[in-house]
C-alpha cells in the first residue's frame, strides 16, 4: 500500500504550462528535464514580476517539493490558495499540500488537506485512497501503542511482582538471620550464665572449705593451748616475767635504771 501511496503522491506535481511569461516557459522546460534548481531560478524571476500569480506559485511550489524543500513548497502552495478561485487548481493544491505535510511527518495535517481536497472534488479517488491509508495507519499506530502500553504494563507488573517476591525473600532471610542471631545470643548468654553459676558454686565451695579449714585451725589452736596448759599450767606467768625482764633490759640500754624484780613465791 505504501508503494501505491507514493505513486499517488506524485500525481499532481506537474507544472502548469503558460506562455504569458518568458521565465515561466524556461522554468517549465527545466522542470521537465528534472533540473529543479534551474526551474526554481526561472520561477523566482517570474514571481518577481507577478508575486501573487497563482500559476507561478503553484509551479514554484512543485519545484521546491521535488527538490525536497517542503517548507518552501508549503509556503508557496498557501499563496496559491489565497489567490485563485479555480476549484480545479484549489483541489490540486490541497492535494499537494497533503503530500507535503506527509513528507514533513505531519500526518494529521496531511489527512485534513486530503479531506478538504475531497470536499471540493468528491470524485478524487487519489484523495480518498490517501485518506483511507492515513486512517488505517493511525489505527495501526493506535493499536501498536495500546499493545506497547499493555506490554509495558505487563512488564511493569511482572517487575513489581518480582520486586515483591525479592522483598519477601529478603525479609524472610533477614528474619532468619535475626532469629539465628537471637539464638546465638541466647546460647552465649546461657553459656555465660552457666559459667557464672559454676564460678559462684566454686566460690561458695571454696569459702565453705576455707571456713572448714579455719574451724579446723581454730580447733587445733585450742587443742594445742589446752595441751600446753596441761603440760605446764603456770606457763603464762613465766611468759609474763620473761617479757618484763626483756623490757627492763631494753630500758637499761637506753640509759634507764634497771629495777630488778625478783621472783617471789615458790621457786619453779
Foldseek 3Di string as FASTA:
>chain_A
DVVVLVVLLCPLLQADDDPPDVLCNVLNVCVVVVVLVSSLVSLVVVCVVPVLPLRSLQNNLSSCVSVVVLVSSLVSLVSNVVRDPDLVSQLSSLQNNLSSCVSVVNNVSSLVSLVVSCVSPVVPVSSVVVNVVSVVVVVVVVVVVVVVVVVVVVVVVVVVVVVVVVVVVVVVVVVVVVVVVVVVVVVVVVVVVVVVVVVVVVVVVVVVVVVVVVVVVVVVVVVVVVVVCVVPVCVVVVVVVVVVVVVLVVVVVVVDDRDDDDDDDDDD
